[in-house]
Amino acid sequence: MSAEIQAAGRGNLFAALPPSAGGEIFQTLFANPRCRVERIVSHGHASAPGEWYDQAGDEWVALLAGAAVLRFEGGDDDGDDVKLKVGDWLVIPAHRRHRVESTSADALWLAVHCAADPAK
């Protein structure tokens, strides 16, 4: 689910968190042609079995609350798991296939999506 936050250029990342809606809630905080900043509320979300994200641009993501496990496609059937706790951040390069294995009920993310490099 995606929602736009209508604000006058400021806000609080922890204010007005949306209630659980059965999946992740993506809220755009800022966007221009080169990047998009999102607040993501997970509420215990996990990717559907067999579902992988494969994004055209790079992503920087930080976990602001809760806990999460991301799985990156690897050389074996299990892939590579990355366990995240509050304050952890990571870079997900363009086309690095990944999925959300699990999140706590209070998981809150900040994500910065960068536009794909047209030279690649």
PDB file of N, CA and C in Angstrom:
ATOM      1  N   MET A   1       0.855  -1.169   0.000  1.00  0.00           N
ATOM      2  CA  MET A   1       0.000   0.000   0.000  1.00  0.00           C
ATOM      3  C   MET A   1       0.896   1.226   0.000  1.00  0.00           C
ATOM      4  N   SER A   2       0.536   2.215  -0.764  1.00  0.00           N
ATOM      5  CA  SER A   2       1.341   3.427  -0.859  1.00  0.00           C
ATOM      6  C   SER A   2       0.469   4.639  -0.551  1.00  0.00           C
ATOM      7  N   ALA A   3       1.044   5.608   0.117  1.00  0.00           N
ATOM      8  CA  ALA A   3       0.320   6.832   0.439  1.00  0.00           C
ATOM      9  C   ALA A   3       1.286   8.003   0.366  1.00  0.00           C
ATOM     10  N   GLU A   4       0.793   9.117  -0.052  1.00  0.00           N
ATOM     11  CA  GLU A   4       1.592  10.341  -0.088  1.00  0.00           C
ATOM     12  C   GLU A   4       1.351  11.108   1.201  1.00  0.00           C
ATOM     13  N   ILE A   5       2.401  11.654   1.768  1.00  0.00           N
ATOM     14  CA  ILE A   5       2.256  12.516   2.928  1.00  0.00           C
ATOM     15  C   ILE A   5       2.254  13.948   2.424  1.00  0.00           C
ATOM     16  N   GLN A   6       1.177  14.626   2.666  1.00  0.00           N
ATOM     17  CA  GLN A   6       1.041  16.016   2.246  1.00  0.00           C
ATOM     18  C   GLN A   6       1.533  16.902   3.384  1.00  0.00           C
ATOM     19  N   ALA A   7       2.708  17.476   3.213  1.00  0.00           N
ATOM     20  CA  ALA A   7       3.288  18.300   4.265  1.00  0.00           C
ATOM     21  C   ALA A   7       3.963  19.512   3.645  1.00  0.00           C
ATOM     22  N   ALA A   8       4.250  20.475   4.484  1.00  0.00           N
ATOM     23  CA  ALA A   8       4.893  21.704   4.039  1.00  0.00           C
ATOM     24  C   ALA A   8       6.401  21.603   4.197  1.00  0.00           C
ATOM     25  N   GLY A   9       6.993  20.473   3.807  1.00  0.00           N
ATOM     26  CA  GLY A   9       8.425  20.331   3.838  1.00  0.00           C
ATOM     27  C   GLY A   9       9.014  19.971   5.186  1.00  0.00           C
ATOM     28  N   ARG A  10       8.198  19.501   6.134  1.00  0.00           N
ATOM     29  CA  ARG A  10       8.729  19.070   7.419  1.00  0.00           C
ATOM     30  C   ARG A  10       7.756  18.116   8.083  1.00  0.00           C
ATOM     31  N   GLY A  11       8.251  17.384   9.064  1.00  0.00           N
ATOM     32  CA  GLY A  11       7.396  16.447   9.771  1.00  0.00           C
ATOM     33  C   GLY A  11       8.191  15.695  10.814  1.00  0.00           C
ATOM     34  N   ASN A  12       7.596  14.623  11.335  1.00  0.00           N
ATOM     35  CA  ASN A  12       8.232  13.787  12.335  1.00  0.00           C
ATOM     36  C   ASN A  12       8.076  12.348  11.893  1.00  0.00           C
ATOM     37  N   LEU A  13       9.178  11.624  11.797  1.00  0.00           N
ATOM     38  CA  LEU A  13       9.153  10.253  11.294  1.00  0.00           C
ATOM     39  C   LEU A  13       8.323   9.317  12.159  1.00  0.00           C
ATOM     40  N   PHE A  14       8.159   9.649  13.442  1.00  0.00           N
ATOM     41  CA  PHE A  14       7.449   8.769  14.364  1.00  0.00           C
ATOM     42  C   PHE A  14       6.006   9.206  14.624  1.00  0.00           C
ATOM     43  N   ALA A  15       5.584  10.318  14.044  1.00  0.00           N
ATOM     44  CA  ALA A  15       4.234  10.838  14.275  1.00  0.00           C
ATOM     45  C   ALA A  15       3.231  10.218  13.309  1.00  0.00           C
ATOM     46  N   ALA A  16       2.012  10.084  13.785  1.00  0.00           N
ATOM     47  CA  ALA A  16       0.876   9.650  12.956  1.00  0.00           C
ATOM     48  C   ALA A  16       1.174   8.367  12.189  1.00  0.00           C
ATOM     49  N   LEU A  17       1.706   7.357  12.893  1.00  0.00           N
ATOM     50  CA  LEU A  17       1.964   6.078  12.231  1.00  0.00           C
ATOM     51  C   LEU A  17       0.632   5.428  11.878  1.00  0.00           C
ATOM     52  N   PRO A  18       0.502   4.963  10.655  1.00  0.00           N
ATOM     53  CA  PRO A  18      -0.770   4.359  10.246  1.00  0.00           C
ATOM     54  C   PRO A  18      -0.975   3.008  10.926  1.00  0.00           C
ATOM     55  N   PRO A  19      -2.235   2.642  11.165  1.00  0.00           N
ATOM     56  CA  PRO A  19      -2.522   1.336  11.752  1.00  0.00           C
ATOM     57  C   PRO A  19      -2.248   0.225  10.741  1.00  0.00           C
ATOM     58  N   SER A  20      -2.147  -0.981  11.237  1.00  0.00           N
ATOM     59  CA  SER A  20      -1.906  -2.134  10.377  1.00  0.00           C
ATOM     60  C   SER A  20      -2.984  -2.233   9.312  1.00  0.00           C
ATOM     61  N   ALA A  21      -2.539  -2.484   8.081  1.00  0.00           N
ATOM     62  CA  ALA A  21      -3.479  -2.600   6.967  1.00  0.00           C
ATOM     63  C   ALA A  21      -3.275  -3.911   6.223  1.00  0.00           C
ATOM     64  N   GLY A  22      -2.654  -4.882   6.877  1.00  0.00           N
ATOM     65  CA  GLY A  22      -2.465  -6.180   6.251  1.00  0.00           C
ATOM     66  C   GLY A  22      -1.227  -6.295   5.389  1.00  0.00           C
ATOM     67  N   GLY A  23      -0.394  -5.290   5.369  1.00  0.00           N
ATOM     68  CA  GLY A  23       0.835  -5.322   4.577  1.00  0.00           C
ATOM     69  C   GLY A  23       1.659  -4.104   4.899  1.00  0.00           C
ATOM     70  N   GLU A  24       2.756  -3.956   4.189  1.00  0.00           N
ATOM     71  CA  GLU A  24       3.593  -2.778   4.398  1.00  0.00           C
ATOM     72  C   GLU A  24       2.882  -1.530   3.877  1.00  0.00           C
ATOM     73  N   ILE A  25       3.143  -0.428   4.542  1.00  0.00           N
ATOM     74  CA  ILE A  25       2.584   0.864   4.130  1.00  0.00           C
ATOM     75  C   ILE A  25       3.747   1.761   3.753  1.00  0.00           C
ATOM     76  N   PHE A  26       3.765   2.200   2.491  1.00  0.00           N
ATOM     77  CA  PHE A  26       4.826   3.055   1.955  1.00  0.00           C
ATOM     78  C   PHE A  26       4.293   4.482   1.877  1.00  0.00           C
ATOM     79  N   GLN A  27       5.009   5.422   2.486  1.00  0.00           N
ATOM     80  CA  GLN A  27       4.608   6.822   2.457  1.00  0.00           C
ATOM     81  C   GLN A  27       5.759   7.661   1.925  1.00  0.00           C
ATOM     82  N   THR A  28       5.529   8.338   0.807  1.00  0.00           N
ATOM     83  CA  THR A  28       6.555   9.194   0.217  1.00  0.00           C
ATOM     84  C   THR A  28       6.658  10.482   1.014  1.00  0.00           C
ATOM     85  N   LEU A  29       7.869  10.752   1.524  1.00  0.00           N
ATOM     86  CA  LEU A  29       8.114  11.975   2.288  1.00  0.00           C
ATOM     87  C   LEU A  29       8.689  13.074   1.407  1.00  0.00           C
ATOM     88  N   PHE A  30       9.451  12.660   0.385  1.00  0.00           N
ATOM     89  CA  PHE A  30      10.085  13.609  -0.530  1.00  0.00           C
ATOM     90  C   PHE A  30      10.387  12.870  -1.821  1.00  0.00           C
ATOM     91  N   ALA A  31      10.229  13.571  -2.931  1.00  0.00           N
ATOM     92  CA  ALA A  31      10.574  12.959  -4.216  1.00  0.00           C
ATOM     93  C   ALA A  31      10.968  14.032  -5.215  1.00  0.00           C
ATOM     94  N   ASN A  32      11.924  13.687  -6.058  1.00  0.00           N
ATOM     95  CA  ASN A  32      12.267  14.483  -7.224  1.00  0.00           C
ATOM     96  C   ASN A  32      12.674  13.488  -8.311  1.00  0.00           C
ATOM     97  N   PRO A  33      13.051  13.935  -9.491  1.00  0.00           N
ATOM     98  CA  PRO A  33      13.363  12.969 -10.555  1.00  0.00           C
ATOM     99  C   PRO A  33      14.525  12.022 -10.246  1.00  0.00           C
ATOM    100  N   ARG A  34      15.403  12.365  -9.308  1.00  0.00           N
ATOM    101  CA  ARG A  34      16.573  11.532  -9.031  1.00  0.00           C
ATOM    102  C   ARG A  34      16.457  10.651  -7.786  1.00  0.00           C
ATOM    103  N   CYS A  35      15.563  11.021  -6.845  1.00  0.00           N
ATOM    104  CA  CYS A  35      15.445  10.214  -5.629  1.00  0.00           C
ATOM    105  C   CYS A  35      14.053  10.317  -5.017  1.00  0.00           C
ATOM    106  N   ARG A  36      13.758   9.320  -4.179  1.00  0.00           N
ATOM    107  CA  ARG A  36      12.493   9.290  -3.447  1.00  0.00           C
ATOM    108  C   ARG A  36      12.807   8.822  -2.030  1.00  0.00           C
ATOM    109  N   VAL A  37      12.287   9.534  -1.036  1.00  0.00           N
ATOM    110  CA  VAL A  37      12.466   9.164   0.365  1.00  0.00           C
ATOM    111  C   VAL A  37      11.118   8.668   0.883  1.00  0.00           C
ATOM    112  N   GLU A  38      11.142   7.462   1.469  1.00  0.00           N
ATOM    113  CA  GLU A  38       9.908   6.857   1.957  1.00  0.00           C
ATOM    114  C   GLU A  38      10.025   6.486   3.427  1.00  0.00           C
ATOM    115  N   ARG A  39       8.894   6.578   4.100  1.00  0.00           N
ATOM    116  CA  ARG A  39       8.729   5.974   5.415  1.00  0.00           C
ATOM    117  C   ARG A  39       7.943   4.693   5.161  1.00  0.00           C
ATOM    118  N   ILE A  40       8.441   3.572   5.704  1.00  0.00           N
ATOM    119  CA  ILE A  40       7.783   2.288   5.499  1.00  0.00           C
ATOM    120  C   ILE A  40       7.410   1.723   6.864  1.00  0.00           C
ATOM    121  N   VAL A  41       6.121   1.437   7.041  1.00  0.00           N
ATOM    122  CA  VAL A  41       5.612   0.831   8.269  1.00  0.00           C
ATOM    123  C   VAL A  41       5.293  -0.620   7.934  1.00  0.00           C
ATOM    124  N   SER A  42       5.923  -1.564   8.653  1.00  0.00           N
ATOM    125  CA  SER A  42       5.816  -2.967   8.252  1.00  0.00           C
ATOM    126  C   SER A  42       4.782  -3.796   9.005  1.00  0.00           C
ATOM    127  N   HIS A  43       4.540  -3.560  10.286  1.00  0.00           N
ATOM    128  CA  HIS A  43       3.520  -4.300  11.054  1.00  0.00           C
ATOM    129  C   HIS A  43       3.626  -5.816  10.894  1.00  0.00           C
ATOM    130  N   GLY A  44       4.822  -6.383  11.036  1.00  0.00           N
ATOM    131  CA  GLY A  44       4.975  -7.830  10.967  1.00  0.00           C
ATOM    132  C   GLY A  44       4.944  -8.402   9.562  1.00  0.00           C
ATOM    133  N   HIS A  45       5.213  -7.584   8.572  1.00  0.00           N
ATOM    134  CA  HIS A  45       5.155  -7.996   7.166  1.00  0.00           C
ATOM    135  C   HIS A  45       6.294  -8.933   6.795  1.00  0.00           C
ATOM    136  N   ALA A  46       6.014  -9.813   5.847  1.00  0.00           N
ATOM    137  CA  ALA A  46       7.029 -10.635   5.182  1.00  0.00           C
ATOM    138  C   ALA A  46       6.639 -10.741   3.716  1.00  0.00           C
ATOM    139  N   SER A  47       7.622 -10.842   2.834  1.00  0.00           N
ATOM    140  CA  SER A  47       7.328 -11.025   1.405  1.00  0.00           C
ATOM    141  C   SER A  47       6.602 -12.353   1.201  1.00  0.00           C
ATOM    142  N   ALA A  48       5.756 -12.389   0.206  1.00  0.00           N
ATOM    143  CA  ALA A  48       5.055 -13.633  -0.132  1.00  0.00           C
ATOM    144  C   ALA A  48       6.080 -14.680  -0.574  1.00  0.00           C
ATOM    145  N   PRO A  49       5.801 -15.961  -0.316  1.00  0.00           N
ATOM    146  CA  PRO A  49       6.739 -17.006  -0.744  1.00  0.00           C
ATOM    147  C   PRO A  49       7.081 -16.877  -2.238  1.00  0.00           C
ATOM    148  N   GLY A  50       8.375 -16.924  -2.532  1.00  0.00           N
ATOM    149  CA  GLY A  50       8.823 -16.834  -3.920  1.00  0.00           C
ATOM    150  C   GLY A  50       8.877 -15.427  -4.491  1.00  0.00           C
ATOM    151  N   GLU A  51       8.445 -14.422  -3.738  1.00  0.00           N
ATOM    152  CA  GLU A  51       8.447 -13.028  -4.229  1.00  0.00           C
ATOM    153  C   GLU A  51       9.794 -12.378  -3.919  1.00  0.00           C
ATOM    154  N   TRP A  52      10.414 -11.778  -4.936  1.00  0.00           N
ATOM    155  CA  TRP A  52      11.696 -11.085  -4.789  1.00  0.00           C
ATOM    156  C   TRP A  52      11.569  -9.679  -5.340  1.00  0.00           C
ATOM    157  N   TYR A  53      12.178  -8.716  -4.644  1.00  0.00           N
ATOM    158  CA  TYR A  53      12.286  -7.363  -5.173  1.00  0.00           C
ATOM    159  C   TYR A  53      13.504  -7.311  -6.090  1.00  0.00           C
ATOM    160  N   ASP A  54      13.364  -6.657  -7.228  1.00  0.00           N
ATOM    161  CA  ASP A  54      14.468  -6.458  -8.172  1.00  0.00           C
ATOM    162  C   ASP A  54      14.305  -5.039  -8.706  1.00  0.00           C
ATOM    163  N   GLN A  55      14.934  -4.087  -8.042  1.00  0.00           N
ATOM    164  CA  GLN A  55      14.718  -2.669  -8.317  1.00  0.00           C
ATOM    165  C   GLN A  55      15.728  -2.134  -9.313  1.00  0.00           C
ATOM    166  N   ALA A  56      15.281  -1.223 -10.149  1.00  0.00           N
ATOM    167  CA  ALA A  56      16.128  -0.639 -11.190  1.00  0.00           C
ATOM    168  C   ALA A  56      17.192   0.299 -10.617  1.00  0.00           C
ATOM    169  N   GLY A  57      16.930   0.921  -9.458  1.00  0.00           N
ATOM    170  CA  GLY A  57      17.887   1.860  -8.868  1.00  0.00           C
ATOM    171  C   GLY A  57      18.403   1.373  -7.532  1.00  0.00           C
ATOM    172  N   ASP A  58      19.440   2.046  -7.023  1.00  0.00           N
ATOM    173  CA  ASP A  58      19.989   1.726  -5.713  1.00  0.00           C
ATOM    174  C   ASP A  58      19.017   2.176  -4.620  1.00  0.00           C
ATOM    175  N   GLU A  59      19.099   1.492  -3.460  1.00  0.00           N
ATOM    176  CA  GLU A  59      18.276   1.858  -2.309  1.00  0.00           C
ATOM    177  C   GLU A  59      19.149   1.876  -1.066  1.00  0.00           C
ATOM    178  N   TRP A  60      18.975   2.905  -0.241  1.00  0.00           N
ATOM    179  CA  TRP A  60      19.582   2.975   1.079  1.00  0.00           C
ATOM    180  C   TRP A  60      18.431   2.860   2.060  1.00  0.00           C
ATOM    181  N   VAL A  61      18.545   1.952   3.027  1.00  0.00           N
ATOM    182  CA  VAL A  61      17.450   1.735   3.965  1.00  0.00           C
ATOM    183  C   VAL A  61      17.992   1.679   5.389  1.00  0.00           C
ATOM    184  N   ALA A  62      17.246   2.285   6.329  1.00  0.00           N
ATOM    185  CA  ALA A  62      17.605   2.258   7.748  1.00  0.00           C
ATOM    186  C   ALA A  62      16.398   1.786   8.543  1.00  0.00           C
ATOM    187  N   LEU A  63      16.647   0.967   9.549  1.00  0.00           N
ATOM    188  CA  LEU A  63      15.582   0.509  10.435  1.00  0.00           C
ATOM    189  C   LEU A  63      15.529   1.437  11.639  1.00  0.00           C
ATOM    190  N   LEU A  64      14.416   2.157  11.777  1.00  0.00           N
ATOM    191  CA  LEU A  64      14.266   3.148  12.839  1.00  0.00           C
ATOM    192  C   LEU A  64      13.653   2.566  14.106  1.00  0.00           C
ATOM    193  N   ALA A  65      12.865   1.498  13.963  1.00  0.00           N
ATOM    194  CA  ALA A  65      12.219   0.845  15.106  1.00  0.00           C
ATOM    195  C   ALA A  65      12.005  -0.617  14.756  1.00  0.00           C
ATOM    196  N   GLY A  66      11.981  -1.458  15.801  1.00  0.00           N
ATOM    197  CA  GLY A  66      11.680  -2.866  15.589  1.00  0.00           C
ATOM    198  C   GLY A  66      12.882  -3.683  15.155  1.00  0.00           C
ATOM    199  N   ALA A  67      12.577  -4.797  14.491  1.00  0.00           N
ATOM    200  CA  ALA A  67      13.598  -5.719  13.997  1.00  0.00           C
ATOM    201  C   ALA A  67      13.132  -6.270  12.662  1.00  0.00           C
ATOM    202  N   ALA A  68      14.089  -6.720  11.852  1.00  0.00           N
ATOM    203  CA  ALA A  68      13.743  -7.247  10.530  1.00  0.00           C
ATOM    204  C   ALA A  68      14.832  -8.197  10.056  1.00  0.00           C
ATOM    205  N   VAL A  69      14.441  -9.063   9.137  1.00  0.00           N
ATOM    206  CA  VAL A  69      15.388  -9.938   8.463  1.00  0.00           C
ATOM    207  C   VAL A  69      15.147  -9.807   6.967  1.00  0.00           C
ATOM    208  N   LEU A  70      16.195  -9.442   6.238  1.00  0.00           N
ATOM    209  CA  LEU A  70      16.144  -9.396   4.779  1.00  0.00           C
ATOM    210  C   LEU A  70      16.921 -10.590   4.246  1.00  0.00           C
ATOM    211  N   ARG A  71      16.458 -11.129   3.145  1.00  0.00           N
ATOM    212  CA  ARG A  71      17.184 -12.218   2.484  1.00  0.00           C
ATOM    213  C   ARG A  71      17.616 -11.727   1.114  1.00  0.00           C
ATOM    214  N   PHE A  72      18.884 -11.943   0.810  1.00  0.00           N
ATOM    215  CA  PHE A  72      19.425 -11.596  -0.494  1.00  0.00           C
ATOM    216  C   PHE A  72      19.670 -12.872  -1.271  1.00  0.00           C
ATOM    217  N   GLU A  73      19.309 -12.845  -2.537  1.00  0.00           N
ATOM    218  CA  GLU A  73      19.507 -14.016  -3.369  1.00  0.00           C
ATOM    219  C   GLU A  73      20.999 -14.336  -3.409  1.00  0.00           C
ATOM    220  N   GLY A  74      21.331 -15.589  -3.154  1.00  0.00           N
ATOM    221  CA  GLY A  74      22.727 -15.994  -3.105  1.00  0.00           C
ATOM    222  C   GLY A  74      22.974 -17.230  -3.930  1.00  0.00           C
ATOM    223  N   GLY A  75      24.114 -17.820  -3.708  1.00  0.00           N
ATOM    224  CA  GLY A  75      24.530 -18.966  -4.484  1.00  0.00           C
ATOM    225  C   GLY A  75      23.885 -20.266  -4.069  1.00  0.00           C
ATOM    226  N   ASP A  76      23.199 -20.295  -2.909  1.00  0.00           N
ATOM    227  CA  ASP A  76      22.546 -21.529  -2.498  1.00  0.00           C
ATOM    228  C   ASP A  76      21.046 -21.299  -2.358  1.00  0.00           C
ATOM    229  N   ASP A  77      20.319 -22.344  -2.018  1.00  0.00           N
ATOM    230  CA  ASP A  77      18.857 -22.250  -1.934  1.00  0.00           C
ATOM    231  C   ASP A  77      18.393 -21.303  -0.838  1.00  0.00           C
ATOM    232  N   ASP A  78      19.194 -21.170   0.225  1.00  0.00           N
ATOM    233  CA  ASP A  78      18.783 -20.341   1.346  1.00  0.00           C
ATOM    234  C   ASP A  78      19.074 -18.863   1.147  1.00  0.00           C
ATOM    235  N   GLY A  79      20.006 -18.510   0.262  1.00  0.00           N
ATOM    236  CA  GLY A  79      20.372 -17.111   0.089  1.00  0.00           C
ATOM    237  C   GLY A  79      21.169 -16.620   1.280  1.00  0.00           C
ATOM    238  N   ASP A  80      21.311 -15.323   1.391  1.00  0.00           N
ATOM    239  CA  ASP A  80      22.062 -14.702   2.472  1.00  0.00           C
ATOM    240  C   ASP A  80      21.120 -13.844   3.300  1.00  0.00           C
ATOM    241  N   ASP A  81      20.963 -14.151   4.599  1.00  0.00           N
ATOM    242  CA  ASP A  81      20.091 -13.388   5.483  1.00  0.00           C
ATOM    243  C   ASP A  81      20.868 -12.275   6.178  1.00  0.00           C
ATOM    244  N   VAL A  82      20.214 -11.122   6.328  1.00  0.00           N
ATOM    245  CA  VAL A  82      20.774  -9.999   7.064  1.00  0.00           C
ATOM    246  C   VAL A  82      19.766  -9.628   8.142  1.00  0.00           C
ATOM    247  N   LYS A  83      20.181  -9.777   9.405  1.00  0.00           N
ATOM    248  CA  LYS A  83      19.323  -9.424  10.532  1.00  0.00           C
ATOM    249  C   LYS A  83      19.585  -7.968  10.885  1.00  0.00           C
ATOM    250  N   LEU A  84      18.515  -7.197  11.003  1.00  0.00           N
ATOM    251  CA  LEU A  84      18.622  -5.770  11.299  1.00  0.00           C
ATOM    252  C   LEU A  84      17.975  -5.452  12.633  1.00  0.00           C
ATOM    253  N   LYS A  85      18.618  -4.572  13.382  1.00  0.00           N
ATOM    254  CA  LYS A  85      18.048  -4.059  14.627  1.00  0.00           C
ATOM    255  C   LYS A  85      17.996  -2.534  14.515  1.00  0.00           C
ATOM    256  N   VAL A  86      17.379  -1.903  15.477  1.00  0.00           N
ATOM    257  CA  VAL A  86      17.216  -0.445  15.455  1.00  0.00           C
ATOM    258  C   VAL A  86      18.558   0.242  15.209  1.00  0.00           C
ATOM    259  N   GLY A  87      18.553   1.143  14.245  1.00  0.00           N
ATOM    260  CA  GLY A  87      19.743   1.921  13.914  1.00  0.00           C
ATOM    261  C   GLY A  87      20.571   1.347  12.779  1.00  0.00           C
ATOM    262  N   ASP A  88      20.337   0.085  12.432  1.00  0.00           N
ATOM    263  CA  ASP A  88      21.090  -0.514  11.333  1.00  0.00           C
ATOM    264  C   ASP A  88      20.625   0.042   9.996  1.00  0.00           C
ATOM    265  N   TRP A  89      21.563   0.196   9.082  1.00  0.00           N
ATOM    266  CA  TRP A  89      21.240   0.628   7.718  1.00  0.00           C
ATOM    267  C   TRP A  89      22.072  -0.179   6.751  1.00  0.00           C
ATOM    268  N   LEU A  90      21.611  -0.218   5.508  1.00  0.00           N
ATOM    269  CA  LEU A  90      22.378  -0.898   4.474  1.00  0.00           C
ATOM    270  C   LEU A  90      22.018  -0.346   3.108  1.00  0.00           C
ATOM    271  N   VAL A  91      22.904  -0.617   2.165  1.00  0.00           N
ATOM    272  CA  VAL A  91      22.702  -0.229   0.776  1.00  0.00           C
ATOM    273  C   VAL A  91      22.329  -1.472  -0.006  1.00  0.00           C
ATOM    274  N   ILE A  92      21.275  -1.355  -0.794  1.00  0.00           N
ATOM    275  CA  ILE A  92      20.850  -2.438  -1.677  1.00  0.00           C
ATOM    276  C   ILE A  92      21.111  -1.966  -3.107  1.00  0.00           C
ATOM    277  N   PRO A  93      22.144  -2.493  -3.745  1.00  0.00           N
ATOM    278  CA  PRO A  93      22.457  -2.049  -5.106  1.00  0.00           C
ATOM    279  C   PRO A  93      21.339  -2.399  -6.091  1.00  0.00           C
ATOM    280  N   ALA A  94      21.262  -1.642  -7.152  1.00  0.00           N
ATOM    281  CA  ALA A  94      20.283  -1.905  -8.216  1.00  0.00           C
ATOM    282  C   ALA A  94      20.373  -3.360  -8.652  1.00  0.00           C
ATOM    283  N   HIS A  95      19.235  -3.966  -8.851  1.00  0.00           N
ATOM    284  CA  HIS A  95      19.083  -5.348  -9.333  1.00  0.00           C
ATOM    285  C   HIS A  95      19.645  -6.413  -8.389  1.00  0.00           C
ATOM    286  N   ARG A  96      19.880  -6.061  -7.120  1.00  0.00           N
ATOM    287  CA  ARG A  96      20.267  -7.064  -6.117  1.00  0.00           C
ATOM    288  C   ARG A  96      18.968  -7.639  -5.565  1.00  0.00           C
ATOM    289  N   ARG A  97      18.634  -8.828  -6.017  1.00  0.00           N
ATOM    290  CA  ARG A  97      17.347  -9.431  -5.637  1.00  0.00           C
ATOM    291  C   ARG A  97      17.318  -9.702  -4.140  1.00  0.00           C
ATOM    292  N   HIS A  98      16.199  -9.257  -3.523  1.00  0.00           N
ATOM    293  CA  HIS A  98      16.042  -9.404  -2.082  1.00  0.00           C
ATOM    294  C   HIS A  98      14.569  -9.544  -1.724  1.00  0.00           C
ATOM    295  N   ARG A  99      14.347  -9.986  -0.504  1.00  0.00           N
ATOM    296  CA  ARG A  99      12.981 -10.129  -0.004  1.00  0.00           C
ATOM    297  C   ARG A  99      12.980  -9.856   1.496  1.00  0.00           C
ATOM    298  N   VAL A 100      11.807  -9.579   2.038  1.00  0.00           N
ATOM    299  CA  VAL A 100      11.646  -9.383   3.469  1.00  0.00           C
ATOM    300  C   VAL A 100      11.245 -10.729   4.054  1.00  0.00           C
ATOM    301  N   GLU A 101      12.122 -11.312   4.867  1.00  0.00           N
ATOM    302  CA  GLU A 101      11.824 -12.598   5.503  1.00  0.00           C
ATOM    303  C   GLU A 101      10.884 -12.411   6.684  1.00  0.00           C
ATOM    304  N   SER A 102      11.145 -11.367   7.491  1.00  0.00           N
ATOM    305  CA  SER A 102      10.282 -11.104   8.638  1.00  0.00           C
ATOM    306  C   SER A 102      10.531  -9.691   9.151  1.00  0.00           C
ATOM    307  N   THR A 103       9.502  -9.161   9.819  1.00  0.00           N
ATOM    308  CA  THR A 103       9.636  -7.894  10.532  1.00  0.00           C
ATOM    309  C   THR A 103       8.836  -7.999  11.827  1.00  0.00           C
ATOM    310  N   SER A 104       9.239  -7.243  12.819  1.00  0.00           N
ATOM    311  CA  SER A 104       8.464  -7.176  14.056  1.00  0.00           C
ATOM    312  C   SER A 104       7.212  -6.326  13.804  1.00  0.00           C
ATOM    313  N   ALA A 105       6.269  -6.406  14.715  1.00  0.00           N
ATOM    314  CA  ALA A 105       5.010  -5.671  14.557  1.00  0.00           C
ATOM    315  C   ALA A 105       5.214  -4.161  14.576  1.00  0.00           C
ATOM    316  N   ASP A 106       6.350  -3.700  15.126  1.00  0.00           N
ATOM    317  CA  ASP A 106       6.613  -2.261  15.240  1.00  0.00           C
ATOM    318  C   ASP A 106       7.710  -1.781  14.292  1.00  0.00           C
ATOM    319  N   ALA A 107       8.001  -2.542  13.242  1.00  0.00           N
ATOM    320  CA  ALA A 107       9.097  -2.180  12.337  1.00  0.00           C
ATOM    321  C   ALA A 107       8.786  -0.902  11.566  1.00  0.00           C
ATOM    322  N   LEU A 108       9.731   0.013  11.586  1.00  0.00           N
ATOM    323  CA  LEU A 108       9.614   1.296  10.895  1.00  0.00           C
ATOM    324  C   LEU A 108      10.924   1.554  10.170  1.00  0.00           C
ATOM    325  N   TRP A 109      10.839   1.861   8.893  1.00  0.00           N
ATOM    326  CA  TRP A 109      12.013   2.047   8.031  1.00  0.00           C
ATOM    327  C   TRP A 109      12.036   3.463   7.459  1.00  0.00           C
ATOM    328  N   LEU A 110      13.227   3.886   7.090  1.00  0.00           N
ATOM    329  CA  LEU A 110      13.418   5.057   6.248  1.00  0.00           C
ATOM    330  C   LEU A 110      14.189   4.562   5.036  1.00  0.00           C
ATOM    331  N   ALA A 111      13.663   4.800   3.852  1.00  0.00           N
ATOM    332  CA  ALA A 111      14.297   4.312   2.624  1.00  0.00           C
ATOM    333  C   ALA A 111      14.520   5.460   1.657  1.00  0.00           C
ATOM    334  N   VAL A 112      15.687   5.448   1.022  1.00  0.00           N
ATOM    335  CA  VAL A 112      16.005   6.419  -0.019  1.00  0.00           C
ATOM    336  C   VAL A 112      16.252   5.641  -1.302  1.00  0.00           C
ATOM    337  N   HIS A 113      15.418   5.885  -2.301  1.00  0.00           N
ATOM    338  CA  HIS A 113      15.531   5.215  -3.602  1.00  0.00           C
ATOM    339  C   HIS A 113      16.169   6.194  -4.591  1.00  0.00           C
ATOM    340  N   CYS A 114      17.217   5.736  -5.266  1.00  0.00           N
ATOM    341  CA  CYS A 114      17.900   6.563  -6.247  1.00  0.00           C
ATOM    342  C   CYS A 114      17.505   6.113  -7.649  1.00  0.00           C
ATOM    343  N   ALA A 115      17.340   7.056  -8.537  1.00  0.00           N
ATOM    344  CA  ALA A 115      16.974   6.735  -9.919  1.00  0.00           C
ATOM    345  C   ALA A 115      18.069   5.902 -10.556  1.00  0.00           C
ATOM    346  N   ALA A 116      17.662   5.025 -11.443  1.00  0.00           N
ATOM    347  CA  ALA A 116      18.618   4.188 -12.156  1.00  0.00           C
ATOM    348  C   ALA A 116      19.562   5.066 -12.975  1.00  0.00           C
ATOM    349  N   ASP A 117      20.815   4.663 -13.028  1.00  0.00           N
ATOM    350  CA  ASP A 117      21.817   5.363 -13.825  1.00  0.00           C
ATOM    351  C   ASP A 117      21.575   5.033 -15.288  1.00  0.00           C
ATOM    352  N   PRO A 118      21.217   6.009 -16.124  1.00  0.00           N
ATOM    353  CA  PRO A 118      20.922   5.712 -17.526  1.00  0.00           C
ATOM    354  C   PRO A 118      22.143   5.204 -18.302  1.00  0.00           C
ATOM    355  N   ALA A 119      23.354   5.399 -17.753  1.00  0.00           N
ATOM    356  CA  ALA A 119      24.559   4.936 -18.445  1.00  0.00           C
ATOM    357  C   ALA A 119      24.790   3.437 -18.271  1.00  0.00           C
ATOM    358  N   LYS A 120      24.041   2.808 -17.342  1.00  0.00           N
ATOM    359  CA  LYS A 120      24.232   1.368 -17.086  1.00  0.00           C
ATOM    360  C   LYS A 120      23.310   0.536 -17.932  1.00  0.00           C
TER     361      LYS A 120
END
